[in-house]
C-alpha atoms as a PDB file:
ATOM      1  CA  MET A   1      92.187  89.474  67.551  1.00  0.00           C
ATOM      2  CA  ARG A   2      92.709  92.624  69.361  1.00  0.00           C
ATOM      3  CA  ASP A   3      95.462  95.073  68.695  1.00  0.00           C
ATOM      4  CA  PRO A   4      98.436  94.758  70.858  1.00  0.00           C
ATOM      5  CA  LEU A   5      98.797  96.796  74.010  1.00  0.00           C
ATOM      6  CA  ILE A   6     101.519  99.304  73.834  1.00  0.00           C
ATOM      7  CA  ILE A   7     103.678  98.751  76.914  1.00  0.00           C
ATOM      8  CA  ASP A   8     106.458 101.131  77.547  1.00  0.00           C
ATOM      9  CA  CYS A   9     108.996  99.224  79.676  1.00  0.00           C
ATOM     10  CA  HIS A  10     111.158 102.246  80.381  1.00  0.00           C
ATOM     11  CA  GLY A  11     109.694 105.388  82.142  1.00  0.00           C
ATOM     12  CA  HIS A  12     110.969 107.521  84.846  1.00  0.00           C
ATOM     13  CA  TYR A  13     109.236 110.181  87.142  1.00  0.00           C
ATOM     14  CA  THR A  14     111.055 112.930  85.665  1.00  0.00           C
ATOM     15  CA  THR A  15     108.285 115.476  86.196  1.00  0.00           C
ATOM     16  CA  ALA A  16     107.872 114.986  89.923  1.00  0.00           C
ATOM     17  CA  PRO A  17     106.677 118.135  91.781  1.00  0.00           C
ATOM     18  CA  LYS A  18     109.538 120.560  92.792  1.00  0.00           C
ATOM     19  CA  ALA A  19     109.052 119.789  96.325  1.00  0.00           C
ATOM     20  CA  LEU A  20     110.872 116.506  95.840  1.00  0.00           C
ATOM     21  CA  GLU A  21     113.958 118.147  94.390  1.00  0.00           C
ATOM     22  CA  GLU A  22     113.932 120.726  97.285  1.00  0.00           C
ATOM     23  CA  TRP A  23     113.677 117.934  99.833  1.00  0.00           C
ATOM     24  CA  ARG A  24     116.661 116.209  98.151  1.00  0.00           C
ATOM     25  CA  ASN A  25     118.629 119.361  98.121  1.00  0.00           C
ATOM     26  CA  ARG A  26     118.135 119.847 101.921  1.00  0.00           C
ATOM     27  CA  GLN A  27     119.197 116.245 102.402  1.00  0.00           C
ATOM     28  CA  ILE A  28     122.397 116.729 100.587  1.00  0.00           C
ATOM     29  CA  ALA A  29     123.111 119.996 102.180  1.00  0.00           C
ATOM     30  CA  ASN A  30     122.792 118.437 105.774  1.00  0.00           C
ATOM     31  CA  LEU A  31     124.739 115.214 105.015  1.00  0.00           C
ATOM     32  CA  LYS A  32     127.235 115.890 107.834  1.00  0.00           C
ATOM     33  CA  THR A  33     124.512 117.125 110.236  1.00  0.00           C
ATOM     34  CA  PRO A  34     121.674 114.823 109.610  1.00  0.00           C
ATOM     35  CA  ALA A  35     119.943 115.977 112.826  1.00  0.00           C
ATOM     36  CA  LEU A  36     119.110 119.198 110.943  1.00  0.00           C
ATOM     37  CA  GLY A  37     116.870 117.184 108.682  1.00  0.00           C
ATOM     38  CA  PRO A  38     114.984 117.023 106.673  1.00  0.00           C
ATOM     39  CA  ARG A  39     112.725 114.183 107.900  1.00  0.00           C
ATOM     40  CA  PRO A  40     110.634 112.225 105.421  1.00  0.00           C
ATOM     41  CA  SER A  41     107.493 113.523 106.974  1.00  0.00           C
ATOM     42  CA  GLU A  42     108.483 116.934 105.974  1.00  0.00           C
ATOM     43  CA  LEU A  43     107.923 116.182 102.308  1.00  0.00           C
ATOM     44  CA  ARG A  44     104.285 116.859 101.599  1.00  0.00           C
ATOM     45  CA  ILE A  45     103.058 116.351  98.084  1.00  0.00           C
ATOM     46  CA  SER A  46      99.282 115.997  97.528  1.00  0.00           C
ATOM     47  CA  ASP A  47      97.426 113.685  95.173  1.00  0.00           C
ATOM     48  CA  ASP A  48      96.296 116.676  93.204  1.00  0.00           C
ATOM     49  CA  GLU A  49      99.918 117.690  92.678  1.00  0.00           C
ATOM     50  CA  LEU A  50     100.899 114.206  91.486  1.00  0.00           C
ATOM     51  CA  ARG A  51      97.945 114.250  89.114  1.00  0.00           C
ATOM     52  CA  GLU A  52      98.961 117.595  87.726  1.00  0.00           C
ATOM     53  CA  SER A  53     102.551 116.517  87.298  1.00  0.00           C
ATOM     54  CA  ILE A  54     101.499 113.388  85.176  1.00  0.00           C
ATOM     55  CA  GLU A  55      98.392 114.442  83.360  1.00  0.00           C
ATOM     56  CA  GLY A  56      99.997 117.394  81.674  1.00  0.00           C
ATOM     57  CA  ASN A  57     103.257 115.290  81.032  1.00  0.00           C
ATOM     58  CA  GLN A  58     103.694 111.600  80.725  1.00  0.00           C
ATOM     59  CA  LEU A  59      99.945 110.807  80.466  1.00  0.00           C
ATOM     60  CA  ARG A  60      99.370 113.472  77.863  1.00  0.00           C
ATOM     61  CA  LEU A  61     102.150 112.268  75.560  1.00  0.00           C
ATOM     62  CA  MET A  62     101.218 108.574  76.108  1.00  0.00           C
ATOM     63  CA  LYS A  63      97.687 109.482  74.899  1.00  0.00           C
ATOM     64  CA  GLU A  64      99.079 111.490  71.899  1.00  0.00           C
ATOM     65  CA  ARG A  65     101.492 108.753  70.924  1.00  0.00           C
ATOM     66  CA  GLY A  66      99.168 105.832  71.381  1.00  0.00           C
ATOM     67  CA  ALA A  67     100.889 104.198  74.431  1.00  0.00           C
ATOM     68  CA  ASP A  68      98.633 102.269  76.931  1.00  0.00           C
ATOM     69  CA  LEU A  69     100.977 101.450  79.899  1.00  0.00           C
ATOM     70  CA  THR A  70     104.327 102.589  81.380  1.00  0.00           C
ATOM     71  CA  ILE A  71     106.431 100.513  83.661  1.00  0.00           C
ATOM     72  CA  PHE A  72     107.415 103.618  85.893  1.00  0.00           C
ATOM     73  CA  SER A  73     110.374 104.157  88.156  1.00  0.00           C
ATOM     74  CA  PRO A  74     112.040 106.857  89.940  1.00  0.00           C
ATOM     75  CA  ARG A  75     114.156 109.289  87.917  1.00  0.00           C
ATOM     76  CA  ALA A  76     117.367 107.545  87.137  1.00  0.00           C
ATOM     77  CA  SER A  77     119.772 110.613  87.469  1.00  0.00           C
ATOM     78  CA  PHE A  78     118.153 111.421  90.802  1.00  0.00           C
ATOM     79  CA  MET A  79     119.080 107.923  92.286  1.00  0.00           C
ATOM     80  CA  ALA A  80     122.676 109.326  92.779  1.00  0.00           C
ATOM     81  CA  HIS A  81     123.812 106.396  94.978  1.00  0.00           C
ATOM     82  CA  HIS A  82     127.256 108.039  95.294  1.00  0.00           C
ATOM     83  CA  ILE A  83     125.826 110.758  97.446  1.00  0.00           C
ATOM     84  CA  GLY A  84     125.981 110.311 101.238  1.00  0.00           C
ATOM     85  CA  ASP A  85     125.993 106.864 102.823  1.00  0.00           C
ATOM     86  CA  LEU A  86     123.698 103.856 103.055  1.00  0.00           C
ATOM     87  CA  GLU A  87     121.222 105.628 105.232  1.00  0.00           C
ATOM     88  CA  THR A  88     121.009 108.526 102.870  1.00  0.00           C
ATOM     89  CA  SER A  89     120.229 106.192 100.010  1.00  0.00           C
ATOM     90  CA  GLN A  90     117.637 104.236 102.066  1.00  0.00           C
ATOM     91  CA  THR A  91     115.665 107.157 102.955  1.00  0.00           C
ATOM     92  CA  TRP A  92     115.847 108.703  99.500  1.00  0.00           C
ATOM     93  CA  ALA A  93     114.895 105.311  97.800  1.00  0.00           C
ATOM     94  CA  ALA A  94     111.964 104.820 100.040  1.00  0.00           C
ATOM     95  CA  ILE A  95     110.687 108.336  99.233  1.00  0.00           C
ATOM     96  CA  CYS A  96     111.059 108.032  95.508  1.00  0.00           C
ATOM     97  CA  ASN A  97     109.550 104.542  95.466  1.00  0.00           C
ATOM     98  CA  GLU A  98     106.424 105.609  97.404  1.00  0.00           C
ATOM     99  CA  LEU A  99     105.886 108.456  94.974  1.00  0.00           C
ATOM    100  CA  CYS A 100     105.948 106.101  92.075  1.00  0.00           C
ATOM    101  CA  HIS A 101     103.503 103.870  93.875  1.00  0.00           C
ATOM    102  CA  ARG A 102     101.169 106.724  94.483  1.00  0.00           C
ATOM    103  CA  VAL A 103     101.249 107.572  90.763  1.00  0.00           C
ATOM    104  CA  ALA A 104     100.418 103.923  89.886  1.00  0.00           C
ATOM    105  CA  ARG A 105      97.624 103.960  92.315  1.00  0.00           C
ATOM    106  CA  LEU A 106      96.060 107.048  90.935  1.00  0.00           C
ATOM    107  CA  PHE A 107      96.393 105.962  87.457  1.00  0.00           C
ATOM    108  CA  PRO A 108      96.254 102.065  87.624  1.00  0.00           C
ATOM    109  CA  GLN A 109      95.363 101.603  83.958  1.00  0.00           C
ATOM    110  CA  HIS A 110      98.532 103.540  82.736  1.00  0.00           C
ATOM    111  CA  PHE A 111     101.481 103.075  85.242  1.00  0.00           C
ATOM    112  CA  VAL A 112     102.886 100.206  87.102  1.00  0.00           C
ATOM    113  CA  GLY A 113     105.924 100.686  89.398  1.00  0.00           C
ATOM    114  CA  ALA A 114     109.461  99.460  89.136  1.00  0.00           C
ATOM    115  CA  ALA A 115     111.801  99.887  92.167  1.00  0.00           C
ATOM    116  CA  MET A 116     114.779 102.063  92.810  1.00  0.00           C
ATOM    117  CA  LEU A 117     117.272 100.198  95.148  1.00  0.00           C
ATOM    118  CA  PRO A 118     118.972 101.999  98.132  1.00  0.00           C
ATOM    119  CA  GLN A 119     122.424 101.061  96.727  1.00  0.00           C
ATOM    120  CA  SER A 120     125.531 102.856  98.173  1.00  0.00           C
ATOM    121  CA  PRO A 121     129.116 102.382  97.213  1.00  0.00           C
ATOM    122  CA  GLY A 122     130.843  99.540  99.282  1.00  0.00           C
ATOM    123  CA  ALA A 123     127.410  98.461 100.863  1.00  0.00           C
ATOM    124  CA  ASP A 124     126.406  94.911 100.831  1.00  0.00           C
ATOM    125  CA  ILE A 125     123.693  94.382  98.308  1.00  0.00           C
ATOM    126  CA  ARG A 126     121.735  92.577 100.921  1.00  0.00           C
ATOM    127  CA  THR A 127     120.988  95.876 102.440  1.00  0.00           C
ATOM    128  CA  SER A 128     118.825  96.617  99.329  1.00  0.00           C
ATOM    129  CA  ILE A 129     116.648  93.454  99.526  1.00  0.00           C
ATOM    130  CA  ALA A 130     114.151  94.808 102.206  1.00  0.00           C
ATOM    131  CA  GLU A 131     113.247  97.826  99.970  1.00  0.00           C
ATOM    132  CA  LEU A 132     112.781  95.469  96.935  1.00  0.00           C
ATOM    133  CA  GLU A 133     110.446  93.137  98.942  1.00  0.00           C
ATOM    134  CA  LYS A 134     108.385  96.032 100.184  1.00  0.00           C
ATOM    135  CA  CYS A 135     108.039  97.468  96.729  1.00  0.00           C
ATOM    136  CA  VAL A 136     106.860  94.141  95.147  1.00  0.00           C
ATOM    137  CA  LYS A 137     104.793  92.777  98.036  1.00  0.00           C
ATOM    138  CA  GLU A 138     103.157  95.969  99.304  1.00  0.00           C
ATOM    139  CA  TYR A 139     103.191  98.286  96.191  1.00  0.00           C
ATOM    140  CA  GLY A 140     102.837  95.644  93.430  1.00  0.00           C
ATOM    141  CA  PHE A 141     105.904  96.646  91.565  1.00  0.00           C
ATOM    142  CA  VAL A 142     106.840  94.464  88.669  1.00  0.00           C
ATOM    143  CA  GLY A 143     110.463  95.222  88.150  1.00  0.00           C
ATOM    144  CA  VAL A 144     113.651  96.745  89.681  1.00  0.00           C
ATOM    145  CA  ASN A 145     116.317  99.164  88.424  1.00  0.00           C
ATOM    146  CA  LEU A 146     119.865  97.873  89.345  1.00  0.00           C
ATOM    147  CA  ASN A 147     122.789 100.185  89.211  1.00  0.00           C
ATOM    148  CA  PRO A 148     126.065  98.264  88.214  1.00  0.00           C
ATOM    149  CA  ASP A 149     128.103 101.387  89.227  1.00  0.00           C
ATOM    150  CA  PRO A 150     126.885 103.127  92.441  1.00  0.00           C
ATOM    151  CA  SER A 151     130.004 105.098  92.617  1.00  0.00           C
ATOM    152  CA  GLY A 152     128.774 107.465  89.844  1.00  0.00           C
ATOM    153  CA  GLY A 153     131.244 106.802  87.059  1.00  0.00           C
ATOM    154  CA  HIS A 154     134.337 105.415  88.811  1.00  0.00           C
ATOM    155  CA  TRP A 155     133.333 101.768  88.603  1.00  0.00           C
ATOM    156  CA  SER A 156     134.548 100.877  92.067  1.00  0.00           C
ATOM    157  CA  SER A 157     132.085  97.869  92.371  1.00  0.00           C
ATOM    158  CA  PRO A 158     132.733  94.331  91.194  1.00  0.00           C
ATOM    159  CA  PRO A 159     131.219  93.096  87.972  1.00  0.00           C
ATOM    160  CA  LEU A 160     127.633  92.030  87.756  1.00  0.00           C
ATOM    161  CA  SER A 161     128.882  88.448  87.703  1.00  0.00           C
ATOM    162  CA  ASP A 162     130.639  88.601  90.977  1.00  0.00           C
ATOM    163  CA  LYS A 163     129.125  86.587  93.663  1.00  0.00           C
ATOM    164  CA  SER A 164     128.585  89.619  95.918  1.00  0.00           C
ATOM    165  CA  TRP A 165     125.465  90.422  93.858  1.00  0.00           C
ATOM    166  CA  TYR A 166     124.064  86.887  94.151  1.00  0.00           C
ATOM    167  CA  PRO A 167     121.832  87.488  97.237  1.00  0.00           C
ATOM    168  CA  LEU A 168     120.021  90.097  95.198  1.00  0.00           C
ATOM    169  CA  TYR A 169     119.747  87.812  92.266  1.00  0.00           C
ATOM    170  CA  GLU A 170     118.353  85.013  94.423  1.00  0.00           C
ATOM    171  CA  LYS A 171     115.713  87.342  95.767  1.00  0.00           C
ATOM    172  CA  MET A 172     114.772  88.506  92.159  1.00  0.00           C
ATOM    173  CA  VAL A 173     114.478  84.898  90.959  1.00  0.00           C
ATOM    174  CA  GLU A 174     112.115  84.247  94.084  1.00  0.00           C
ATOM    175  CA  LEU A 175     109.861  87.130  93.248  1.00  0.00           C
ATOM    176  CA  GLU A 176     110.035  86.765  89.651  1.00  0.00           C
ATOM    177  CA  ILE A 177     111.343  90.192  89.025  1.00  0.00           C
ATOM    178  CA  PRO A 178     113.555  91.252  86.211  1.00  0.00           C
ATOM    179  CA  ALA A 179     116.093  94.017  86.606  1.00  0.00           C
ATOM    180  CA  MET A 180     116.836  96.995  84.222  1.00  0.00           C
ATOM    181  CA  ILE A 181     120.501  97.675  84.458  1.00  0.00           C
ATOM    182  CA  HIS A 182     120.596 101.394  84.730  1.00  0.00           C
ATOM    183  CA  VAL A 183     123.256 103.681  86.068  1.00  0.00           C
ATOM    184  CA  SER A 184     122.560 106.986  87.576  1.00  0.00           C
ATOM    185  CA  THR A 185     124.287 110.500  87.433  1.00  0.00           C
ATOM    186  CA  SER A 186     128.012 110.534  86.459  1.00  0.00           C
ATOM    187  CA  CYS A 187     130.210 112.456  88.819  1.00  0.00           C
ATOM    188  CA  ASN A 188     133.161 111.672  86.671  1.00  0.00           C
ATOM    189  CA  ALA A 189     133.917 114.578  84.334  1.00  0.00           C
ATOM    190  CA  CYS A 190     135.083 112.335  81.590  1.00  0.00           C
ATOM    191  CA  PHE A 191     131.598 110.824  81.219  1.00  0.00           C
ATOM    192  CA  HIS A 192     128.550 112.839  80.350  1.00  0.00           C
ATOM    193  CA  THR A 193     125.667 111.345  82.236  1.00  0.00           C
ATOM    194  CA  THR A 194     123.198 110.561  79.370  1.00  0.00           C
ATOM    195  CA  GLY A 195     125.440 110.694  76.486  1.00  0.00           C
ATOM    196  CA  ALA A 196     128.247 108.564  77.659  1.00  0.00           C
ATOM    197  CA  HIS A 197     127.840 107.131  81.058  1.00  0.00           C
ATOM    198  CA  TYR A 198     124.450 105.500  80.448  1.00  0.00           C
ATOM    199  CA  LEU A 199     125.641 103.993  77.092  1.00  0.00           C
ATOM    200  CA  ASN A 200     129.106 102.912  78.596  1.00  0.00           C
ATOM    201  CA  ALA A 201     127.106 101.083  81.282  1.00  0.00           C
ATOM    202  CA  ASP A 202     124.800  99.315  78.990  1.00  0.00           C
ATOM    203  CA  THR A 203     127.749  98.009  76.862  1.00  0.00           C
ATOM    204  CA  THR A 204     129.804  97.271  80.066  1.00  0.00           C
ATOM    205  CA  ALA A 205     126.985  95.331  81.752  1.00  0.00           C
ATOM    206  CA  PHE A 206     126.566  93.133  78.592  1.00  0.00           C
ATOM    207  CA  MET A 207     130.297  92.449  78.356  1.00  0.00           C
ATOM    208  CA  GLN A 208     130.373  91.549  82.110  1.00  0.00           C
ATOM    209  CA  CYS A 209     127.643  88.861  81.517  1.00  0.00           C
ATOM    210  CA  LEU A 210     129.457  87.640  78.324  1.00  0.00           C
ATOM    211  CA  THR A 211     132.598  86.950  79.932  1.00  0.00           C
ATOM    212  CA  SER A 212     131.008  85.163  82.910  1.00  0.00           C
ATOM    213  CA  ASN A 213     128.745  81.971  83.553  1.00  0.00           C
ATOM    214  CA  LEU A 214     126.264  83.979  85.511  1.00  0.00           C
ATOM    215  CA  PHE A 215     123.170  82.507  83.816  1.00  0.00           C
ATOM    216  CA  LYS A 216     124.428  79.027  84.509  1.00  0.00           C
ATOM    217  CA  ASP A 217     123.876  79.860  88.216  1.00  0.00           C
ATOM    218  CA  PHE A 218     120.724  81.708  87.648  1.00  0.00           C
ATOM    219  CA  PRO A 219     118.968  80.256  84.522  1.00  0.00           C
ATOM    220  CA  THR A 220     115.845  82.271  85.018  1.00  0.00           C
ATOM    221  CA  LEU A 221     117.403  85.623  85.957  1.00  0.00           C
ATOM    222  CA  LYS A 222     116.420  88.313  83.454  1.00  0.00           C
ATOM    223  CA  PHE A 223     118.115  91.575  82.692  1.00  0.00           C
ATOM    224  CA  LEU A 224     116.930  94.340  80.444  1.00  0.00           C
ATOM    225  CA  ILE A 225     119.678  96.518  79.075  1.00  0.00           C
ATOM    226  CA  PRO A 226     118.245  99.891  78.060  1.00  0.00           C
ATOM    227  CA  HIS A 227     118.959 102.562  75.444  1.00  0.00           C
ATOM    228  CA  GLY A 228     119.016  99.867  72.793  1.00  0.00           C
ATOM    229  CA  GLY A 229     121.805  98.055  74.458  1.00  0.00           C
ATOM    230  CA  GLY A 230     124.506 100.728  74.107  1.00  0.00           C
ATOM    231  CA  ALA A 231     127.113  99.613  71.531  1.00  0.00           C
ATOM    232  CA  VAL A 232     125.994  96.037  71.765  1.00  0.00           C
ATOM    233  CA  PRO A 233     123.799  95.671  68.543  1.00  0.00           C
ATOM    234  CA  TYR A 234     126.185  97.876  66.448  1.00  0.00           C
ATOM    235  CA  HIS A 235     129.049  95.645  67.406  1.00  0.00           C
ATOM    236  CA  TRP A 236     127.355  92.280  67.486  1.00  0.00           C
ATOM    237  CA  GLY A 237     130.024  90.670  65.442  1.00  0.00           C
ATOM    238  CA  ARG A 238     132.610  91.889  67.758  1.00  0.00           C
ATOM    239  CA  PHE A 239     130.824  90.376  70.719  1.00  0.00           C
ATOM    240  CA  ARG A 240     130.153  87.112  68.870  1.00  0.00           C
ATOM    241  CA  GLY A 241     133.873  86.911  67.975  1.00  0.00           C
ATOM    242  CA  LEU A 242     134.960  87.536  71.560  1.00  0.00           C
ATOM    243  CA  ALA A 243     132.618  84.960  72.996  1.00  0.00           C
ATOM    244  CA  GLN A 244     134.015  82.471  70.377  1.00  0.00           C
ATOM    245  CA  GLU A 245     137.628  83.403  71.366  1.00  0.00           C
ATOM    246  CA  MET A 246     136.739  82.742  75.078  1.00  0.00           C
ATOM    247  CA  LYS A 247     135.166  79.285  74.204  1.00  0.00           C
ATOM    248  CA  LYS A 248     131.796  80.548  75.355  1.00  0.00           C
ATOM    249  CA  PRO A 249     128.472  79.084  73.739  1.00  0.00           C
ATOM    250  CA  LEU A 250     126.855  80.909  70.791  1.00  0.00           C
ATOM    251  CA  LEU A 251     125.377  84.070  72.152  1.00  0.00           C
ATOM    252  CA  LYS A 252     121.964  83.107  71.491  1.00  0.00           C
ATOM    253  CA  GLU A 253     122.458  80.129  73.889  1.00  0.00           C
ATOM    254  CA  HIS A 254     124.892  82.012  76.274  1.00  0.00           C
ATOM    255  CA  LEU A 255     122.797  85.200  76.891  1.00  0.00           C
ATOM    256  CA  LEU A 256     119.759  85.676  74.989  1.00  0.00           C
ATOM    257  CA  ASN A 257     117.592  83.583  77.225  1.00  0.00           C
ATOM    258  CA  ASN A 258     118.278  86.075  79.996  1.00  0.00           C
ATOM    259  CA  ILE A 259     119.257  89.406  78.376  1.00  0.00           C
ATOM    260  CA  PHE A 260     116.844  91.754  76.630  1.00  0.00           C
ATOM    261  CA  PHE A 261     117.061  95.173  74.975  1.00  0.00           C
ATOM    262  CA  ASP A 262     114.688  98.138  74.939  1.00  0.00           C
ATOM    263  CA  THR A 263     113.896 100.474  72.011  1.00  0.00           C
ATOM    264  CA  CYS A 264     115.148 103.834  73.550  1.00  0.00           C
ATOM    265  CA  VAL A 265     117.002 104.509  70.260  1.00  0.00           C
ATOM    266  CA  TYR A 266     116.076 107.863  68.893  1.00  0.00           C
ATOM    267  CA  HIS A 267     116.175 107.579  64.982  1.00  0.00           C
ATOM    268  CA  GLN A 268     114.997 105.151  62.428  1.00  0.00           C
ATOM    269  CA  PRO A 269     118.282 103.728  61.272  1.00  0.00           C
ATOM    270  CA  GLY A 270     119.111 102.774  64.903  1.00  0.00           C
ATOM    271  CA  ILE A 271     115.882 100.849  65.407  1.00  0.00           C
ATOM    272  CA  ASP A 272     116.148  99.237  62.007  1.00  0.00           C
ATOM    273  CA  LEU A 273     119.570  98.010  62.979  1.00  0.00           C
ATOM    274  CA  LEU A 274     118.403  96.869  66.528  1.00  0.00           C
ATOM    275  CA  THR A 275     115.666  94.824  65.168  1.00  0.00           C
ATOM    276  CA  LYS A 276     117.669  93.253  62.267  1.00  0.00           C
ATOM    277  CA  VAL A 277     120.599  92.241  64.451  1.00  0.00           C
ATOM    278  CA  ILE A 278     118.805  91.312  67.760  1.00  0.00           C
ATOM    279  CA  PRO A 279     116.095  88.664  67.624  1.00  0.00           C
ATOM    280  CA  VAL A 280     112.666  90.295  67.797  1.00  0.00           C
ATOM    281  CA  ASP A 281     112.111  88.029  70.895  1.00  0.00           C
ATOM    282  CA  ASN A 282     114.708  89.998  72.940  1.00  0.00           C
ATOM    283  CA  VAL A 283     113.457  93.465  72.078  1.00  0.00           C
ATOM    284  CA  LEU A 284     110.922  95.401  74.168  1.00  0.00           C
ATOM    285  CA  PHE A 285     109.254  98.562  73.403  1.00  0.00           C
ATOM    286  CA  ALA A 286     110.386 101.651  75.436  1.00  0.00           C
ATOM    287  CA  SER A 287     110.596 105.304  74.957  1.00  0.00           C
ATOM    288  CA  GLU A 288     112.267 106.698  78.252  1.00  0.00           C
ATOM    289  CA  MET A 289     109.670 109.551  77.860  1.00  0.00           C
ATOM    290  CA  ILE A 290     109.919 112.203  79.223  1.00  0.00           C
ATOM    291  CA  GLY A 291     113.796 111.717  79.431  1.00  0.00           C
ATOM    292  CA  ALA A 292     117.116 112.530  78.293  1.00  0.00           C
ATOM    293  CA  VAL A 293     116.245 113.516  74.785  1.00  0.00           C
ATOM    294  CA  ARG A 294     113.121 115.862  74.710  1.00  0.00           C
ATOM    295  CA  GLY A 295     113.418 117.801  71.467  1.00  0.00           C
ATOM    296  CA  ILE A 296     111.960 117.563  68.048  1.00  0.00           C
ATOM    297  CA  ASP A 297     114.201 116.042  65.249  1.00  0.00           C
ATOM    298  CA  PRO A 298     114.464 118.686  62.567  1.00  0.00           C
ATOM    299  CA  GLU A 299     114.934 115.999  59.919  1.00  0.00           C
ATOM    300  CA  THR A 300     111.562 114.491  60.731  1.00  0.00           C
ATOM    301  CA  GLY A 301     109.527 117.137  62.560  1.00  0.00           C
ATOM    302  CA  HIS A 302     108.728 114.446  65.221  1.00  0.00           C
ATOM    303  CA  TYR A 303     110.020 114.111  68.804  1.00  0.00           C
ATOM    304  CA  TYR A 304     113.124 111.989  69.029  1.00  0.00           C
ATOM    305  CA  ASP A 305     111.691 109.914  71.760  1.00  0.00           C
ATOM    306  CA  ASP A 306     108.408 109.021  69.828  1.00  0.00           C
ATOM    307  CA  THR A 307     109.849 105.486  69.457  1.00  0.00           C
ATOM    308  CA  LYS A 308     106.459 103.927  68.661  1.00  0.00           C
ATOM    309  CA  ARG A 309     106.757 105.496  65.155  1.00  0.00           C
ATOM    310  CA  TYR A 310     109.961 103.900  64.532  1.00  0.00           C
ATOM    311  CA  ILE A 311     108.635 100.406  65.435  1.00  0.00           C
ATOM    312  CA  GLN A 312     105.673 100.970  63.132  1.00  0.00           C
ATOM    313  CA  ALA A 313     108.108 101.963  60.191  1.00  0.00           C
ATOM    314  CA  ALA A 314     110.561  99.144  60.650  1.00  0.00           C
ATOM    315  CA  ALA A 315     110.457  96.129  58.416  1.00  0.00           C
ATOM    316  CA  LEU A 316     108.530  93.948  60.819  1.00  0.00           C
ATOM    317  CA  SER A 317     105.532  91.727  60.563  1.00  0.00           C
ATOM    318  CA  ASP A 318     102.473  92.428  62.613  1.00  0.00           C
ATOM    319  CA  GLU A 319     103.268  89.396  64.803  1.00  0.00           C
ATOM    320  CA  GLU A 320     106.792  90.870  65.473  1.00  0.00           C
ATOM    321  CA  ARG A 321     105.554  94.217  66.284  1.00  0.00           C
ATOM    322  CA  GLY A 322     102.976  92.656  68.703  1.00  0.00           C
ATOM    323  CA  LYS A 323     105.824  90.795  70.479  1.00  0.00           C
ATOM    324  CA  ILE A 324     107.884  94.239  70.760  1.00  0.00           C
ATOM    325  CA  PHE A 325     104.820  96.172  71.961  1.00  0.00           C
ATOM    326  CA  GLU A 326     103.233  93.750  74.267  1.00  0.00           C
ATOM    327  CA  GLY A 327     104.198  90.020  74.205  1.00  0.00           C
ATOM    328  CA  ASN A 328     107.898  90.299  75.230  1.00  0.00           C
ATOM    329  CA  ALA A 329     107.157  92.630  78.141  1.00  0.00           C
ATOM    330  CA  ARG A 330     104.555  90.157  79.470  1.00  0.00           C
ATOM    331  CA  ARG A 331     107.147  87.264  79.204  1.00  0.00           C
ATOM    332  CA  VAL A 332     109.869  89.194  80.751  1.00  0.00           C
ATOM    333  CA  TYR A 333     107.860  90.794  83.514  1.00  0.00           C
ATOM    334  CA  PRO A 334     105.640  87.875  84.974  1.00  0.00           C
ATOM    335  CA  ARG A 335     104.118  90.018  87.644  1.00  0.00           C
ATOM    336  CA  LEU A 336     102.884  92.415  84.990  1.00  0.00           C
ATOM    337  CA  ASP A 337     101.445  89.571  82.957  1.00  0.00           C
ATOM    338  CA  ALA A 338      99.569  88.509  85.991  1.00  0.00           C
ATOM    339  CA  ALA A 339      98.290  91.903  86.674  1.00  0.00           C
ATOM    340  CA  LEU A 340      97.038  92.374  83.138  1.00  0.00           C
ATOM    341  CA  LYS A 341      95.316  89.000  83.219  1.00  0.00           C
ATOM    342  CA  SER A 342      93.603  89.903  86.456  1.00  0.00           C
ATOM    343  CA  GLN A 343      92.123  92.787  84.430  1.00  0.00           C
ATOM    344  CA  GLY A 344      91.006  90.561  81.666  1.00  0.00           C
ATOM    345  CA  LEU A 345      93.704  91.726  79.418  1.00  0.00           C
END
């Protein structure tokens, strides 16, 4: 039996060439005067520039740490759905998704795409479906990032259980695409983007699902909650108790056929808690590398986001590690599984 593939289900293109950010800055500067540009055609990034941005960064660290494949999506903090209007987001999402597609095409053994949606505050979610279909059918993407708060920290959208989201869920089920529930930059001074807003959103998304019957309507819909699930594993007893008071089924029946958690938790005790509290079948390996926490932990001498090390040191059987590293990702991402099988893996 071969060793499991190491599939990192949470990677963002945080090292894109500087030209991308410069183009975005021009777009933002001209929000009130879109005729002044920039046009998408004005963004010119060569394949050599893409290779350089990946080979010296994500790919180098993947090789050093022993990861095989990353599910790769546009930089989360760059999504910034609160900026501009729907047309702004549609143009920006298309550009960012195409770059991730080009990276996956250049490094097909190491990267596969996940889509950013062109969400915008108040916009009907149906306006995001065309971009999702393009990314899946033309680019071969296997997942999508869904922002439950396109307002950027003000939470003006209805909860994920609201029927206004249903057209997207219907398309996700049709395409067999799971969603990572991932917010973007916070423009609310109360919430630091990566230290508060991300983790708040993870916890909030879980609670929105808990209080609803969403998965009765969509029994095959799958959500991946990143960053270890925010506060969820640590407060599992609270959530079990709340579900009980609301006369909901046991959480295993109510949510765990549909909700999964990644391992972007940056110390050993956190991973130990996650893998002890949450069933192993619901945990997918991830690092979010190169992401929010890039430094070296002075207590260990290793990078905080070298999460493979934590899984290897956790009190798990080889079979359980295999599920976290490979098996669960293949089950949650059917299109990824099909792509790997087509390669004989």
